[in-house]
Amino acid sequence: MADLLTADAVREELSRLPDWSGDPTGIGRTAQLGSFPAAIEVVDRVATVAEDLDHHPDIDIRWRTLTFRCVTHSAGGVTHRDIELARRIDDIVRSAA
């Protein structure tokens, strides 16, 4: 099982992920895409990365708006796996813009 990050460690990691917010119980971000198909393409790409990492975010789809939430449920909070997934999600969203 992955080690939980402390509140200070989560704050430090979030300082390098400006579109993300949260605390040791979970981190999240919202992304606005140009169209519904563009949003779904981002979800598809995140799904591929999540499968590769064997770590899956919660994703809410509202037309062109995507909300991602990352938490390692088996550990009961945020771990380095969530931070890595958040970075990868940011890369995907940035490349879709």
N, C-alpha and C. Protein backbone atom coordinates (compact mmCIF):
# COMPACT_ATOMS: atom_id res chain seq x y z
N MET A 1 0.84 -1.19 0.00
CA MET A 1 0.00 0.00 0.00
C MET A 1 0.88 1.25 0.00
N ALA A 2 0.47 2.25 -0.73
CA ALA A 2 1.22 3.51 -0.82
C ALA A 2 1.09 4.30 0.48
N ASP A 3 2.15 5.04 0.81
CA ASP A 3 2.14 5.85 2.03
C ASP A 3 1.35 7.13 1.82
N LEU A 4 0.55 7.48 2.82
CA LEU A 4 -0.21 8.73 2.79
C LEU A 4 0.73 9.92 2.90
N LEU A 5 0.39 10.99 2.19
CA LEU A 5 1.14 12.23 2.31
C LEU A 5 0.59 13.03 3.49
N THR A 6 1.46 13.73 4.17
CA THR A 6 1.04 14.62 5.25
C THR A 6 0.36 15.84 4.66
N ALA A 7 -0.31 16.60 5.50
CA ALA A 7 -0.94 17.83 5.05
C ALA A 7 0.09 18.78 4.45
N ASP A 8 1.26 18.89 5.08
CA ASP A 8 2.32 19.76 4.56
C ASP A 8 2.81 19.27 3.20
N ALA A 9 2.96 17.98 3.05
CA ALA A 9 3.43 17.42 1.77
C ALA A 9 2.40 17.65 0.67
N VAL A 10 1.12 17.50 1.00
CA VAL A 10 0.07 17.75 0.00
C VAL A 10 0.09 19.22 -0.41
N ARG A 11 0.20 20.13 0.56
CA ARG A 11 0.28 21.56 0.23
C ARG A 11 1.48 21.86 -0.66
N GLU A 12 2.62 21.26 -0.35
CA GLU A 12 3.82 21.48 -1.15
C GLU A 12 3.62 20.98 -2.58
N GLU A 13 3.07 19.79 -2.72
CA GLU A 13 2.82 19.25 -4.07
C GLU A 13 1.80 20.10 -4.83
N LEU A 14 0.76 20.55 -4.15
CA LEU A 14 -0.26 21.37 -4.81
C LEU A 14 0.30 22.72 -5.24
N SER A 15 1.34 23.20 -4.57
CA SER A 15 1.95 24.46 -4.98
C SER A 15 2.58 24.34 -6.37
N ARG A 16 2.88 23.11 -6.79
CA ARG A 16 3.44 22.86 -8.12
C ARG A 16 2.36 22.42 -9.12
N LEU A 17 1.13 22.34 -8.65
CA LEU A 17 -0.02 21.96 -9.48
C LEU A 17 -1.09 23.05 -9.31
N PRO A 18 -0.90 24.21 -9.93
CA PRO A 18 -1.76 25.37 -9.63
C PRO A 18 -3.24 25.19 -9.97
N ASP A 19 -3.59 24.27 -10.84
CA ASP A 19 -5.00 24.07 -11.16
C ASP A 19 -5.69 23.10 -10.20
N TRP A 20 -4.94 22.55 -9.28
CA TRP A 20 -5.46 21.56 -8.34
C TRP A 20 -5.63 22.18 -6.96
N SER A 21 -6.59 21.64 -6.22
CA SER A 21 -6.78 22.04 -4.82
C SER A 21 -7.10 20.78 -4.04
N GLY A 22 -7.07 20.90 -2.74
CA GLY A 22 -7.43 19.76 -1.92
C GLY A 22 -6.68 19.73 -0.62
N ASP A 23 -6.69 18.56 -0.03
CA ASP A 23 -6.08 18.33 1.27
C ASP A 23 -5.73 16.84 1.33
N PRO A 24 -5.27 16.36 2.47
CA PRO A 24 -4.86 14.96 2.54
C PRO A 24 -5.97 13.94 2.26
N THR A 25 -7.21 14.37 2.22
CA THR A 25 -8.31 13.43 1.94
C THR A 25 -8.59 13.28 0.45
N GLY A 26 -8.04 14.19 -0.39
CA GLY A 26 -8.25 14.10 -1.83
C GLY A 26 -7.88 15.40 -2.51
N ILE A 27 -7.53 15.30 -3.79
CA ILE A 27 -7.21 16.49 -4.58
C ILE A 27 -8.08 16.49 -5.82
N GLY A 28 -8.35 17.69 -6.35
CA GLY A 28 -9.19 17.77 -7.52
C GLY A 28 -8.93 19.00 -8.36
N ARG A 29 -9.40 18.93 -9.58
CA ARG A 29 -9.33 20.07 -10.49
C ARG A 29 -10.48 19.98 -11.47
N THR A 30 -10.81 21.13 -12.04
CA THR A 30 -11.82 21.22 -13.09
C THR A 30 -11.13 21.74 -14.34
N ALA A 31 -11.54 21.21 -15.49
CA ALA A 31 -11.00 21.65 -16.77
C ALA A 31 -12.15 21.93 -17.71
N GLN A 32 -12.09 23.07 -18.37
CA GLN A 32 -13.08 23.47 -19.36
C GLN A 32 -12.48 23.25 -20.73
N LEU A 33 -13.13 22.45 -21.56
CA LEU A 33 -12.66 22.18 -22.91
C LEU A 33 -13.51 22.93 -23.92
N GLY A 34 -13.07 22.96 -25.16
CA GLY A 34 -13.74 23.74 -26.19
C GLY A 34 -15.04 23.14 -26.69
N SER A 35 -15.20 21.85 -26.52
CA SER A 35 -16.41 21.18 -27.01
C SER A 35 -16.61 19.88 -26.25
N PHE A 36 -17.79 19.32 -26.36
CA PHE A 36 -18.06 18.04 -25.72
C PHE A 36 -17.14 16.95 -26.29
N PRO A 37 -16.99 16.84 -27.62
CA PRO A 37 -16.07 15.82 -28.13
C PRO A 37 -14.63 15.98 -27.63
N ALA A 38 -14.18 17.23 -27.49
CA ALA A 38 -12.83 17.47 -26.97
C ALA A 38 -12.73 16.99 -25.52
N ALA A 39 -13.77 17.22 -24.75
CA ALA A 39 -13.78 16.76 -23.36
C ALA A 39 -13.73 15.24 -23.29
N ILE A 40 -14.49 14.58 -24.13
CA ILE A 40 -14.50 13.12 -24.12
C ILE A 40 -13.15 12.57 -24.58
N GLU A 41 -12.51 13.25 -25.52
CA GLU A 41 -11.17 12.82 -25.95
C GLU A 41 -10.19 12.89 -24.78
N VAL A 42 -10.28 13.95 -23.98
CA VAL A 42 -9.43 14.07 -22.80
C VAL A 42 -9.71 12.92 -21.84
N VAL A 43 -10.97 12.62 -21.60
CA VAL A 43 -11.32 11.50 -20.72
C VAL A 43 -10.73 10.20 -21.25
N ASP A 44 -10.83 9.97 -22.55
CA ASP A 44 -10.26 8.76 -23.15
C ASP A 44 -8.75 8.68 -22.91
N ARG A 45 -8.08 9.79 -23.09
CA ARG A 45 -6.63 9.81 -22.89
C ARG A 45 -6.26 9.61 -21.42
N VAL A 46 -7.03 10.21 -20.52
CA VAL A 46 -6.80 10.00 -19.08
C VAL A 46 -7.04 8.54 -18.73
N ALA A 47 -8.05 7.94 -19.32
CA ALA A 47 -8.33 6.52 -19.05
C ALA A 47 -7.15 5.64 -19.43
N THR A 48 -6.52 5.93 -20.55
CA THR A 48 -5.36 5.15 -20.98
C THR A 48 -4.21 5.29 -19.99
N VAL A 49 -3.93 6.51 -19.57
CA VAL A 49 -2.87 6.75 -18.58
C VAL A 49 -3.22 6.06 -17.26
N ALA A 50 -4.47 6.18 -16.84
CA ALA A 50 -4.89 5.57 -15.57
C ALA A 50 -4.69 4.06 -15.61
N GLU A 51 -5.01 3.46 -16.73
CA GLU A 51 -4.80 2.01 -16.88
C GLU A 51 -3.31 1.68 -16.79
N ASP A 52 -2.48 2.48 -17.47
CA ASP A 52 -1.03 2.25 -17.43
C ASP A 52 -0.49 2.36 -16.01
N LEU A 53 -1.01 3.32 -15.25
CA LEU A 53 -0.56 3.53 -13.86
C LEU A 53 -1.27 2.62 -12.87
N ASP A 54 -2.33 1.95 -13.32
CA ASP A 54 -3.20 1.16 -12.45
C ASP A 54 -3.67 2.01 -11.26
N HIS A 55 -4.09 3.23 -11.61
CA HIS A 55 -4.58 4.18 -10.61
C HIS A 55 -5.60 5.07 -11.31
N HIS A 56 -6.82 5.08 -10.83
CA HIS A 56 -7.93 5.66 -11.59
C HIS A 56 -8.59 6.82 -10.84
N PRO A 57 -8.73 7.96 -11.52
CA PRO A 57 -9.39 9.11 -10.89
C PRO A 57 -10.90 8.98 -10.96
N ASP A 58 -11.57 9.71 -10.10
CA ASP A 58 -13.01 9.91 -10.27
C ASP A 58 -13.15 11.03 -11.30
N ILE A 59 -14.04 10.85 -12.27
CA ILE A 59 -14.22 11.85 -13.32
C ILE A 59 -15.70 12.17 -13.45
N ASP A 60 -16.01 13.46 -13.40
CA ASP A 60 -17.37 13.94 -13.61
C ASP A 60 -17.39 14.71 -14.92
N ILE A 61 -18.31 14.36 -15.80
CA ILE A 61 -18.41 15.01 -17.11
C ILE A 61 -19.70 15.81 -17.15
N ARG A 62 -19.59 17.11 -17.37
CA ARG A 62 -20.74 18.01 -17.52
C ARG A 62 -20.52 18.82 -18.79
N TRP A 63 -21.05 18.34 -19.88
CA TRP A 63 -20.90 18.95 -21.19
C TRP A 63 -19.42 19.13 -21.50
N ARG A 64 -18.89 20.36 -21.45
CA ARG A 64 -17.49 20.62 -21.78
C ARG A 64 -16.61 20.72 -20.54
N THR A 65 -17.19 20.51 -19.38
CA THR A 65 -16.46 20.68 -18.12
C THR A 65 -16.18 19.31 -17.50
N LEU A 66 -14.92 19.08 -17.21
CA LEU A 66 -14.49 17.84 -16.56
C LEU A 66 -14.00 18.15 -15.16
N THR A 67 -14.39 17.35 -14.20
CA THR A 67 -13.88 17.47 -12.85
C THR A 67 -13.18 16.15 -12.51
N PHE A 68 -11.92 16.27 -12.11
CA PHE A 68 -11.12 15.11 -11.73
C PHE A 68 -10.89 15.14 -10.22
N ARG A 69 -10.97 13.98 -9.61
CA ARG A 69 -10.64 13.86 -8.20
C ARG A 69 -9.74 12.65 -8.03
N CYS A 70 -8.64 12.86 -7.33
CA CYS A 70 -7.68 11.78 -7.10
C CYS A 70 -7.52 11.53 -5.61
N VAL A 71 -7.64 10.27 -5.25
CA VAL A 71 -7.41 9.82 -3.88
C VAL A 71 -7.11 8.33 -3.96
N THR A 72 -6.19 7.89 -3.14
CA THR A 72 -5.89 6.47 -3.08
C THR A 72 -6.81 5.86 -2.03
N HIS A 73 -7.93 5.33 -2.49
CA HIS A 73 -8.96 4.83 -1.58
C HIS A 73 -8.41 3.75 -0.64
N SER A 74 -7.57 2.87 -1.17
CA SER A 74 -7.05 1.77 -0.34
C SER A 74 -6.16 2.28 0.79
N ALA A 75 -5.57 3.47 0.61
CA ALA A 75 -4.71 4.06 1.65
C ALA A 75 -5.48 5.04 2.53
N GLY A 76 -6.64 5.49 2.05
CA GLY A 76 -7.46 6.41 2.83
C GLY A 76 -7.08 7.88 2.67
N GLY A 77 -6.42 8.23 1.56
CA GLY A 77 -6.06 9.62 1.35
C GLY A 77 -5.12 9.77 0.17
N VAL A 78 -4.45 10.92 0.13
CA VAL A 78 -3.58 11.26 -0.99
C VAL A 78 -2.20 10.63 -0.79
N THR A 79 -1.72 10.03 -1.89
CA THR A 79 -0.39 9.44 -1.92
C THR A 79 0.36 10.00 -3.14
N HIS A 80 1.61 9.61 -3.28
CA HIS A 80 2.39 10.05 -4.45
C HIS A 80 1.76 9.56 -5.75
N ARG A 81 1.02 8.48 -5.70
CA ARG A 81 0.35 7.99 -6.91
C ARG A 81 -0.67 9.02 -7.40
N ASP A 82 -1.35 9.68 -6.49
CA ASP A 82 -2.33 10.71 -6.87
C ASP A 82 -1.64 11.93 -7.48
N ILE A 83 -0.50 12.29 -6.92
CA ILE A 83 0.23 13.44 -7.44
C ILE A 83 0.74 13.15 -8.85
N GLU A 84 1.26 11.96 -9.07
CA GLU A 84 1.74 11.59 -10.41
C GLU A 84 0.58 11.58 -11.41
N LEU A 85 -0.56 11.03 -11.00
CA LEU A 85 -1.71 11.02 -11.90
C LEU A 85 -2.17 12.45 -12.18
N ALA A 86 -2.17 13.31 -11.18
CA ALA A 86 -2.56 14.71 -11.39
C ALA A 86 -1.63 15.38 -12.40
N ARG A 87 -0.35 15.13 -12.31
CA ARG A 87 0.60 15.71 -13.27
C ARG A 87 0.29 15.22 -14.69
N ARG A 88 0.01 13.95 -14.81
CA ARG A 88 -0.29 13.38 -16.13
C ARG A 88 -1.61 13.95 -16.68
N ILE A 89 -2.60 14.13 -15.81
CA ILE A 89 -3.86 14.74 -16.24
C ILE A 89 -3.60 16.15 -16.73
N ASP A 90 -2.79 16.92 -15.99
CA ASP A 90 -2.46 18.28 -16.42
C ASP A 90 -1.82 18.28 -17.80
N ASP A 91 -0.89 17.36 -18.06
CA ASP A 91 -0.25 17.27 -19.37
C ASP A 91 -1.27 17.04 -20.47
N ILE A 92 -2.22 16.16 -20.21
CA ILE A 92 -3.25 15.84 -21.20
C ILE A 92 -4.16 17.04 -21.45
N VAL A 93 -4.61 17.68 -20.38
CA VAL A 93 -5.50 18.84 -20.52
C VAL A 93 -4.77 19.96 -21.26
N ARG A 94 -3.52 20.19 -20.89
CA ARG A 94 -2.74 21.25 -21.53
C ARG A 94 -2.58 20.98 -23.03
N SER A 95 -2.36 19.75 -23.41
CA SER A 95 -2.16 19.43 -24.82
C SER A 95 -3.47 19.51 -25.61
N ALA A 96 -4.60 19.46 -24.92
CA ALA A 96 -5.92 19.54 -25.58
C ALA A 96 -6.36 20.97 -25.78
N ALA A 97 -5.73 21.90 -25.10
CA ALA A 97 -6.15 23.31 -25.16
C ALA A 97 -5.74 23.98 -26.46
